[in-house]
Amino acid sequence: MAHTSIILIAGLIFLLRYEPPESGAELINTSVVFWTCAFTAVPVLLAYFTRRLTALRTTIVFEILSLVGYVYLLYQLNFSGFINQHLAFLEIVHHSREILSLIPLFVGLLGIRVVMQEIPLRRTELRWEFLSFNFRLLLLPLIPLLAINAVFDLTDLLPETIQPFVGLGLLLPILVLPFIIAPLLMQFLWKTEPLTNIELKQKLEHLTKRSGMKYRDIAVWKTGGLAIANAAVAGIIPRNRKIFITDALLRNFTDEQIETIVAHEIGHIRHRHLLISCCLVFGYLISSILFYQLVGKPLKSILAGHPILTSIVSILFFVFYFKVFFNFLSRRFEHQADLYAVDLTKNPEAFKSALGNLGFLSGLPKIIRFVLEIFNTHPSVDRRINFLDRSKAENSPIQRYRKCLLEVKVLIALIPIFGILIFLINW
């Protein structure tokens, strides 16, 4: 979720909450096409000229502008109705057909990201590489939505009495599936190849044996000209799990530093952070249903005739859940994994130097003001190093990070409680 475009998710929520006007006003095709092109192109052009003429790099401003244009298309020009009218032959998959209404927003966000990236004009190959990566990155949140809408299309063909049971039975595996096929998703974003550095591979194999973590393979991300220094362990099923190391990491870090970085990623597995993240996604679905019943429904009646406002409320809940609450837990997960890396490798100085290099090469913030850190998945480099220094004290409250966090226990306890509340409200 950390790398998912919140603007694209906001567009999805506006689309899903959108209700066609009852008046059934006639659509003027030329007008819809013209304004669709205009609202898609203008934010991209503004972003391009801003980058060329000023030192500003406020990508998010132009992405929000693109979202505003998309909302106008959706609610004032009935762009969704325009798509349905011209693709009426796809009525049998009308849920999946809705996704096509996101094309203007998708194209606009992709264009803004490309023109805002500082790549020399002569580096055409690098531009295509960056374009391809961002295309796939934006596509990721649409893939599960396509799968969910395909389930709805399928259940619509079944008798109404069994639709809820079949739908629930198919949706639950879809929620877990991304965490199972995470190694394939990583390879979808990046080209990979086997690790050929035998000495480093043996060190990492020894490290994983000491940790007790099982995995399938170690692969190298080919980030090419983008030169991203990072590592990851993906997959909740041991037989399918893979360790990924970027080519930039191999070029710019010592073997000792890479060992500590991989140990940090192993820490995420040993502390079951992937499984907890899966629970967080399920927790969002449960809490969003409860939020809609307790807040959304009353607001819908109060704000009747203003569907945009009710959609904005849903977006604010999404942002709070994933950009505040989820990131709050994510920062604690990072501290847990940092402690695990130091405990496993017994080499805190190598890990601290690796953090410094990662901050320099990957643009991780060295210092973040508290207000900005609320929206960040990672603590600042200085805060992480200070955290490790304070963990040396035996009586330090930081020692609790070596066990299951209280916040996680509360989360796991709240999920069934919310489920029971939803049942009681509907019953």
Protein backbone atom coordinates (compact mmCIF):
# COMPACT_ATOMS: atom_id res chain seq x y z
CA MET A 1 0.00 0.00 0.00
CA ALA A 2 2.99 2.22 0.64
CA HIS A 3 3.75 2.68 -3.03
CA THR A 4 0.15 2.73 -4.25
CA SER A 5 -1.07 6.04 -5.65
CA ILE A 6 -3.57 7.49 -3.17
CA ILE A 7 -4.89 9.70 -5.97
CA LEU A 8 -5.69 6.65 -8.10
CA ILE A 9 -7.41 5.00 -5.13
CA ALA A 10 -9.41 8.21 -4.59
CA GLY A 11 -10.49 8.04 -8.24
CA LEU A 12 -11.57 4.43 -7.68
CA ILE A 13 -13.66 5.42 -4.67
CA PHE A 14 -15.32 8.26 -6.59
CA LEU A 15 -16.09 5.79 -9.39
CA LEU A 16 -17.48 3.10 -7.08
CA ARG A 17 -19.58 5.62 -5.15
CA TYR A 18 -20.85 7.26 -8.33
CA GLU A 19 -24.55 6.90 -9.11
CA PRO A 20 -25.87 7.80 -12.59
CA PRO A 21 -28.23 10.81 -12.62
CA GLU A 22 -31.91 9.93 -12.60
CA SER A 23 -32.70 12.55 -15.23
CA GLY A 24 -31.02 10.47 -17.93
CA ALA A 25 -29.78 13.55 -19.77
CA GLU A 26 -28.57 12.88 -23.29
CA LEU A 27 -24.82 12.55 -23.66
CA ILE A 28 -23.12 14.76 -26.25
CA ASN A 29 -20.31 12.57 -27.52
CA THR A 30 -18.12 15.33 -28.95
CA SER A 31 -18.34 17.36 -25.75
CA VAL A 32 -17.43 14.37 -23.55
CA VAL A 33 -14.48 13.45 -25.78
CA PHE A 34 -13.20 17.04 -25.91
CA TRP A 35 -13.34 17.64 -22.17
CA THR A 36 -11.90 14.21 -21.44
CA CYS A 37 -8.84 15.02 -23.57
CA ALA A 38 -8.58 18.50 -22.05
CA PHE A 39 -8.81 17.43 -18.39
CA THR A 40 -6.33 14.61 -19.04
CA ALA A 41 -3.76 16.70 -20.91
CA VAL A 42 -3.82 20.05 -19.05
CA PRO A 43 -2.37 18.79 -15.70
CA VAL A 44 0.38 16.95 -17.63
CA LEU A 45 1.28 20.07 -19.62
CA LEU A 46 1.26 22.25 -16.50
CA ALA A 47 3.54 19.74 -14.74
CA TYR A 48 5.89 19.71 -17.73
CA PHE A 49 6.23 23.50 -17.98
CA THR A 50 6.54 23.84 -14.20
CA ARG A 51 9.48 21.41 -14.18
CA ARG A 52 11.13 23.11 -17.15
CA LEU A 53 10.69 26.70 -15.96
CA THR A 54 10.98 26.43 -12.15
CA ALA A 55 12.70 24.41 -9.44
CA LEU A 56 9.36 23.15 -8.06
CA ARG A 57 8.78 19.38 -7.96
CA THR A 58 5.26 19.31 -6.49
CA THR A 59 4.02 16.23 -8.34
CA ILE A 60 1.17 15.69 -5.88
CA VAL A 61 -0.34 19.11 -6.75
CA PHE A 62 -0.75 18.16 -10.41
CA GLU A 63 -2.02 14.69 -9.48
CA ILE A 64 -4.73 16.30 -7.35
CA LEU A 65 -5.54 18.64 -10.25
CA SER A 66 -5.89 15.57 -12.48
CA LEU A 67 -8.24 14.01 -9.91
CA VAL A 68 -10.37 17.17 -9.81
CA GLY A 69 -10.71 17.07 -13.60
CA TYR A 70 -11.64 13.39 -13.47
CA VAL A 71 -14.31 14.02 -10.83
CA TYR A 72 -15.79 16.74 -13.05
CA LEU A 73 -15.90 14.29 -15.96
CA LEU A 74 -17.54 11.67 -13.80
CA TYR A 75 -20.16 13.74 -11.99
CA GLN A 76 -20.90 16.58 -14.42
CA LEU A 77 -20.42 14.90 -17.82
CA ASN A 78 -21.43 11.37 -16.73
CA PHE A 79 -18.25 9.85 -18.19
CA SER A 80 -19.16 6.46 -16.72
CA GLY A 81 -22.47 6.56 -18.60
CA PHE A 82 -20.55 7.48 -21.76
CA ILE A 83 -18.39 4.35 -21.38
CA ASN A 84 -21.40 2.14 -20.66
CA GLN A 85 -23.27 3.53 -23.67
CA HIS A 86 -20.46 2.74 -26.10
CA LEU A 87 -19.61 -0.61 -24.55
CA ALA A 88 -23.14 -1.84 -24.06
CA PHE A 89 -22.19 -5.17 -25.67
CA LEU A 90 -20.13 -5.91 -22.51
CA GLU A 91 -23.21 -5.88 -20.28
CA ILE A 92 -22.52 -9.45 -19.11
CA VAL A 93 -19.37 -8.11 -17.40
CA HIS A 94 -20.76 -4.72 -16.41
CA HIS A 95 -18.88 -4.69 -13.09
CA SER A 96 -15.52 -5.25 -14.80
CA ARG A 97 -16.47 -2.73 -17.49
CA GLU A 98 -16.52 0.02 -14.86
CA ILE A 99 -12.72 -0.05 -14.62
CA LEU A 100 -12.44 1.38 -18.15
CA SER A 101 -13.88 4.63 -16.79
CA LEU A 102 -10.57 5.14 -14.96
CA ILE A 103 -8.54 5.41 -18.18
CA PRO A 104 -8.37 9.27 -18.26
CA LEU A 105 -7.16 9.45 -14.64
CA PHE A 106 -4.69 6.60 -15.18
CA VAL A 107 -3.23 8.23 -18.30
CA GLY A 108 -3.05 11.63 -16.59
CA LEU A 109 -1.20 10.29 -13.51
CA LEU A 110 1.20 8.34 -15.69
CA GLY A 111 1.93 11.41 -17.83
CA ILE A 112 2.53 13.62 -14.78
CA ARG A 113 5.00 11.17 -13.27
CA VAL A 114 6.93 10.86 -16.51
CA VAL A 115 7.26 14.58 -17.24
CA MET A 116 8.19 15.39 -13.63
CA GLN A 117 11.07 12.91 -13.63
CA GLU A 118 14.44 14.51 -14.32
CA ILE A 119 15.85 12.33 -17.12
CA PRO A 120 18.21 13.73 -19.80
CA LEU A 121 16.46 14.20 -23.14
CA ARG A 122 18.97 11.92 -24.86
CA ARG A 123 18.25 9.04 -22.47
CA THR A 124 15.27 7.71 -24.44
CA GLU A 125 15.80 4.17 -23.18
CA LEU A 126 15.73 5.34 -19.56
CA ARG A 127 12.53 7.31 -20.20
CA TRP A 128 10.82 4.19 -21.56
CA GLU A 129 12.12 2.22 -18.58
CA PHE A 130 10.68 4.77 -16.17
CA LEU A 131 7.39 4.87 -18.12
CA SER A 132 7.12 1.07 -18.07
CA PHE A 133 7.81 0.88 -14.33
CA ASN A 134 5.24 3.53 -13.41
CA PHE A 135 2.67 1.95 -15.73
CA ARG A 136 3.00 -1.36 -13.92
CA LEU A 137 3.09 0.34 -10.51
CA LEU A 138 -0.19 2.16 -11.21
CA LEU A 139 -1.67 -1.04 -12.62
CA LEU A 140 -1.10 -3.00 -9.39
CA PRO A 141 -4.12 -1.66 -7.42
CA LEU A 142 -6.37 -2.22 -10.45
CA ILE A 143 -5.55 -5.93 -10.72
CA PRO A 144 -7.27 -6.96 -7.44
CA LEU A 145 -10.19 -4.66 -8.29
CA LEU A 146 -10.57 -6.42 -11.63
CA ALA A 147 -10.55 -9.76 -9.81
CA ILE A 148 -13.19 -8.58 -7.31
CA ASN A 149 -15.42 -7.18 -10.08
CA ALA A 150 -15.01 -10.44 -12.01
CA VAL A 151 -16.35 -12.23 -8.92
CA PHE A 152 -19.36 -9.89 -8.87
CA ASP A 153 -19.97 -10.55 -12.57
CA LEU A 154 -19.82 -14.28 -11.91
CA THR A 155 -22.14 -14.23 -8.90
CA ASP A 156 -24.71 -12.19 -10.86
CA LEU A 157 -25.16 -15.27 -13.07
CA LEU A 158 -26.04 -17.43 -10.04
CA PRO A 159 -29.34 -17.69 -8.12
CA GLU A 160 -29.77 -14.89 -5.58
CA THR A 161 -29.98 -17.35 -2.68
CA ILE A 162 -26.39 -18.49 -3.08
CA GLN A 163 -24.81 -15.28 -4.42
CA PRO A 164 -23.57 -13.97 -1.00
CA PHE A 165 -22.00 -17.31 -0.02
CA VAL A 166 -20.24 -17.86 -3.35
CA GLY A 167 -19.09 -14.22 -3.44
CA LEU A 168 -17.64 -14.37 0.08
CA GLY A 169 -15.99 -17.71 -0.64
CA LEU A 170 -14.25 -16.23 -3.69
CA LEU A 171 -13.40 -12.81 -2.24
CA LEU A 172 -11.55 -14.03 0.85
CA PRO A 173 -8.87 -15.90 -1.19
CA ILE A 174 -8.48 -12.82 -3.42
CA LEU A 175 -7.58 -10.74 -0.35
CA VAL A 176 -4.85 -13.20 0.63
CA LEU A 177 -3.64 -13.91 -2.92
CA PRO A 178 -1.41 -10.80 -3.33
CA PHE A 179 0.57 -11.82 -0.24
CA ILE A 180 1.01 -15.34 -1.66
CA ILE A 181 2.03 -14.31 -5.16
CA ALA A 182 4.11 -11.34 -3.96
CA PRO A 183 7.30 -12.78 -5.55
CA LEU A 184 5.53 -12.84 -8.93
CA LEU A 185 4.34 -9.26 -8.40
CA MET A 186 7.92 -8.18 -7.68
CA GLN A 187 9.04 -9.82 -10.90
CA PHE A 188 6.15 -8.10 -12.67
CA LEU A 189 7.62 -4.73 -11.63
CA TRP A 190 11.28 -5.59 -12.22
CA LYS A 191 13.36 -7.93 -14.33
CA THR A 192 15.22 -10.42 -12.15
CA GLU A 193 18.11 -12.81 -12.49
CA PRO A 194 19.84 -15.31 -10.12
CA LEU A 195 22.50 -14.01 -7.72
CA THR A 196 25.85 -14.96 -9.27
CA ASN A 197 28.09 -13.70 -6.44
CA ILE A 198 28.80 -17.12 -4.89
CA GLU A 199 30.55 -15.75 -1.81
CA LEU A 200 27.70 -13.36 -0.96
CA LYS A 201 25.11 -16.04 -1.70
CA GLN A 202 26.78 -18.42 0.76
CA LYS A 203 26.84 -15.69 3.43
CA LEU A 204 23.14 -15.00 2.94
CA GLU A 205 22.31 -18.72 3.00
CA HIS A 206 24.18 -19.04 6.30
CA LEU A 207 22.29 -15.99 7.61
CA THR A 208 18.89 -17.45 6.72
CA LYS A 209 19.78 -20.79 8.32
CA ARG A 210 20.66 -19.04 11.58
CA SER A 211 17.38 -17.14 11.45
CA GLY A 212 15.34 -20.27 10.72
CA MET A 213 13.60 -18.59 7.77
CA LYS A 214 12.79 -20.84 4.83
CA TYR A 215 12.77 -19.51 1.30
CA ARG A 216 12.97 -20.65 -2.30
CA ASP A 217 15.62 -18.50 -3.97
CA ILE A 218 17.72 -15.31 -3.97
CA ALA A 219 17.21 -13.04 -6.98
CA VAL A 220 18.72 -9.77 -8.20
CA TRP A 221 16.43 -6.92 -9.27
CA LYS A 222 17.60 -5.29 -12.48
CA THR A 223 16.62 -1.67 -11.84
CA GLY A 224 18.76 -0.45 -14.74
CA GLY A 225 19.18 3.28 -15.07
CA LEU A 226 16.77 3.97 -12.19
CA ALA A 227 19.45 2.65 -9.80
CA ILE A 228 17.26 1.89 -6.77
CA ALA A 229 19.16 0.49 -3.76
CA ASN A 230 16.87 -1.83 -1.82
CA ALA A 231 16.17 -5.39 -0.70
CA ALA A 232 13.01 -7.34 0.11
CA VAL A 233 11.73 -10.73 1.18
CA ALA A 234 8.40 -11.51 -0.51
CA GLY A 235 5.86 -14.30 -0.02
CA ILE A 236 4.07 -15.64 3.07
CA ILE A 237 4.41 -19.26 1.92
CA PRO A 238 8.00 -20.54 2.50
CA ARG A 239 8.11 -22.64 -0.67
CA ASN A 240 7.23 -19.59 -2.75
CA ARG A 241 9.21 -17.00 -0.76
CA LYS A 242 12.10 -15.14 -2.43
CA ILE A 243 14.84 -12.77 -1.31
CA PHE A 244 15.32 -9.83 -3.70
CA ILE A 245 18.42 -7.62 -3.88
CA THR A 246 18.69 -4.74 -6.34
CA ASP A 247 21.68 -4.39 -8.65
CA ALA A 248 22.36 -0.93 -7.19
CA LEU A 249 22.65 -2.48 -3.73
CA LEU A 250 25.28 -4.94 -5.01
CA ARG A 251 27.26 -2.14 -6.66
CA ASN A 252 27.30 0.34 -3.78
CA PHE A 253 27.28 -1.70 -0.55
CA THR A 254 29.75 -4.06 1.11
CA ASP A 255 28.85 -7.69 1.77
CA GLU A 256 28.58 -6.93 5.50
CA GLN A 257 26.13 -4.10 4.85
CA ILE A 258 24.04 -6.27 2.47
CA GLU A 259 23.91 -9.01 5.12
CA THR A 260 22.46 -6.58 7.66
CA ILE A 261 19.93 -5.21 5.15
CA VAL A 262 18.77 -8.74 4.28
CA ALA A 263 18.65 -9.54 8.02
CA HIS A 264 16.29 -6.55 8.39
CA GLU A 265 14.02 -8.04 5.71
CA ILE A 266 14.19 -11.43 7.44
CA GLY A 267 13.04 -9.61 10.58
CA HIS A 268 9.81 -8.68 8.81
CA ILE A 269 9.17 -12.38 8.16
CA ARG A 270 10.11 -13.56 11.65
CA HIS A 271 7.80 -10.96 13.20
CA ARG A 272 5.02 -12.02 10.79
CA HIS A 273 4.60 -8.53 9.37
CA LEU A 274 3.28 -9.86 6.03
CA LEU A 275 0.54 -11.82 7.79
CA ILE A 276 -0.30 -8.80 9.95
CA SER A 277 -0.50 -6.63 6.82
CA CYS A 278 -2.93 -9.16 5.37
CA CYS A 279 -5.02 -8.80 8.53
CA LEU A 280 -4.84 -5.02 8.14
CA VAL A 281 -6.35 -5.24 4.66
CA PHE A 282 -9.15 -7.44 5.99
CA GLY A 283 -9.51 -5.05 8.93
CA TYR A 284 -10.04 -2.17 6.49
CA LEU A 285 -12.90 -4.01 4.79
CA ILE A 286 -14.56 -4.76 8.12
CA SER A 287 -14.02 -1.28 9.57
CA SER A 288 -15.09 0.44 6.34
CA ILE A 289 -18.39 -1.49 6.41
CA LEU A 290 -18.91 -0.46 10.02
CA PHE A 291 -17.91 3.14 9.20
CA TYR A 292 -20.42 3.22 6.33
CA GLN A 293 -23.23 1.91 8.52
CA LEU A 294 -22.55 4.23 11.45
CA VAL A 295 -21.38 7.33 9.57
CA GLY A 296 -21.81 6.90 5.80
CA LYS A 297 -25.54 6.09 5.78
CA PRO A 298 -26.59 9.00 8.03
CA LEU A 299 -24.39 11.37 6.02
CA LYS A 300 -25.87 10.09 2.77
CA SER A 301 -29.35 11.11 3.89
CA ILE A 302 -28.14 14.44 5.27
CA LEU A 303 -26.11 15.21 2.13
CA ALA A 304 -28.70 13.95 -0.33
CA GLY A 305 -28.03 15.43 -3.75
CA HIS A 306 -24.32 15.89 -3.00
CA PRO A 307 -22.74 12.50 -3.80
CA ILE A 308 -19.28 14.06 -4.16
CA LEU A 309 -19.27 14.97 -0.46
CA THR A 310 -20.10 11.42 0.67
CA SER A 311 -17.34 10.10 -1.60
CA ILE A 312 -14.88 12.56 -0.03
CA VAL A 313 -15.80 11.23 3.42
CA SER A 314 -15.05 7.68 2.24
CA ILE A 315 -11.70 8.85 0.82
CA LEU A 316 -10.81 10.58 4.11
CA PHE A 317 -11.49 7.33 5.96
CA PHE A 318 -9.29 5.43 3.50
CA VAL A 319 -6.48 7.98 3.87
CA PHE A 320 -6.72 7.89 7.66
CA TYR A 321 -6.64 4.09 7.74
CA PHE A 322 -3.77 3.51 5.33
CA LYS A 323 -1.77 6.76 5.49
CA VAL A 324 -2.04 7.36 9.25
CA PHE A 325 -2.97 4.16 11.10
CA PHE A 326 -1.27 1.70 8.71
CA ASN A 327 1.88 3.85 8.49
CA PHE A 328 1.90 4.17 12.29
CA LEU A 329 2.20 0.38 12.52
CA SER A 330 4.59 0.25 9.56
CA ARG A 331 7.09 2.52 11.34
CA ARG A 332 7.00 0.23 14.37
CA PHE A 333 7.51 -2.76 12.11
CA GLU A 334 10.63 -1.07 10.76
CA HIS A 335 11.98 -0.62 14.29
CA GLN A 336 11.25 -4.28 15.04
CA ALA A 337 13.06 -5.40 11.90
CA ASP A 338 15.99 -3.07 12.71
CA LEU A 339 16.39 -4.66 16.13
CA TYR A 340 16.17 -8.13 14.63
CA ALA A 341 18.87 -7.30 12.07
CA VAL A 342 21.26 -6.14 14.81
CA ASP A 343 20.48 -9.15 17.02
CA LEU A 344 20.96 -11.61 14.16
CA THR A 345 24.15 -10.20 12.65
CA LYS A 346 25.72 -8.84 15.87
CA ASN A 347 27.02 -6.03 13.67
CA PRO A 348 25.20 -2.80 14.59
CA GLU A 349 27.82 -0.52 13.06
CA ALA A 350 27.52 -2.16 9.63
CA PHE A 351 23.75 -1.81 9.78
CA LYS A 352 23.93 1.86 10.80
CA SER A 353 26.31 2.62 7.94
CA ALA A 354 23.99 0.71 5.58
CA LEU A 355 21.07 2.90 6.75
CA GLY A 356 23.13 5.99 6.01
CA ASN A 357 23.99 4.76 2.51
CA LEU A 358 20.35 3.82 1.83
CA GLY A 359 19.28 7.30 2.88
CA PHE A 360 21.78 8.85 0.49
CA LEU A 361 21.16 6.58 -2.55
CA SER A 362 17.43 5.94 -2.24
CA GLY A 363 16.35 9.33 -0.97
CA LEU A 364 15.22 8.11 2.45
CA PRO A 365 14.83 11.17 4.67
CA LYS A 366 17.59 11.71 7.22
CA ILE A 367 15.35 13.89 9.36
CA ILE A 368 11.54 14.17 9.17
CA ARG A 369 9.42 16.62 11.09
CA PHE A 370 6.87 14.85 13.29
CA VAL A 371 3.84 16.07 11.32
CA LEU A 372 5.29 14.75 8.03
CA GLU A 373 6.42 11.48 9.62
CA ILE A 374 2.80 10.64 10.43
CA PHE A 375 2.27 10.00 6.70
CA ASN A 376 5.53 8.08 6.15
CA THR A 377 5.97 4.29 6.19
CA HIS A 378 9.56 4.54 7.47
CA PRO A 379 11.04 6.53 10.35
CA SER A 380 13.85 8.89 9.42
CA VAL A 381 17.39 7.49 9.26
CA ASP A 382 18.44 9.52 12.32
CA ARG A 383 15.45 8.30 14.31
CA ARG A 384 16.20 4.67 13.42
CA ILE A 385 19.85 4.98 14.44
CA ASN A 386 18.88 6.74 17.68
CA PHE A 387 16.35 3.97 18.34
CA LEU A 388 19.08 1.31 18.01
CA ASP A 389 21.36 3.24 20.34
CA ARG A 390 18.65 3.50 23.00
CA SER A 391 17.84 -0.22 22.69
CA LYS A 392 21.15 -1.11 24.39
CA ALA A 393 19.72 -0.24 27.81
CA GLU A 394 18.26 -3.35 29.46
CA ASN A 395 15.39 -1.47 31.13
CA SER A 396 14.52 0.54 28.00
CA PRO A 397 10.83 0.42 26.92
CA ILE A 398 12.22 -0.32 23.45
CA GLN A 399 12.70 -3.94 24.56
CA ARG A 400 8.98 -4.50 23.91
CA TYR A 401 9.71 -4.25 20.19
CA ARG A 402 11.44 -7.64 20.38
CA LYS A 403 8.03 -9.23 21.06
CA CYS A 404 4.60 -8.98 19.48
CA LEU A 405 3.50 -5.34 19.73
CA LEU A 406 0.53 -4.40 21.89
CA GLU A 407 -0.88 -2.40 18.97
CA VAL A 408 -1.01 -5.57 16.86
CA LYS A 409 -2.79 -7.52 19.61
CA VAL A 410 -5.40 -4.77 19.86
CA LEU A 411 -5.89 -4.82 16.08
CA ILE A 412 -6.40 -8.59 15.98
CA ALA A 413 -8.90 -8.33 18.86
CA LEU A 414 -10.87 -5.51 17.19
CA ILE A 415 -11.46 -7.32 13.87
CA PRO A 416 -13.91 -9.95 15.27
CA ILE A 417 -15.49 -7.31 17.53
CA PHE A 418 -16.21 -5.12 14.48
CA GLY A 419 -17.58 -8.18 12.67
CA ILE A 420 -19.98 -8.88 15.55
CA LEU A 421 -21.09 -5.23 15.60
CA ILE A 422 -21.85 -5.35 11.86
CA PHE A 423 -23.93 -8.49 12.41
CA LEU A 424 -25.84 -6.94 15.31
CA ILE A 425 -26.54 -3.72 13.38
CA ASN A 426 -27.91 -5.62 10.39
CA TRP A 427 -29.79 -8.11 12.53
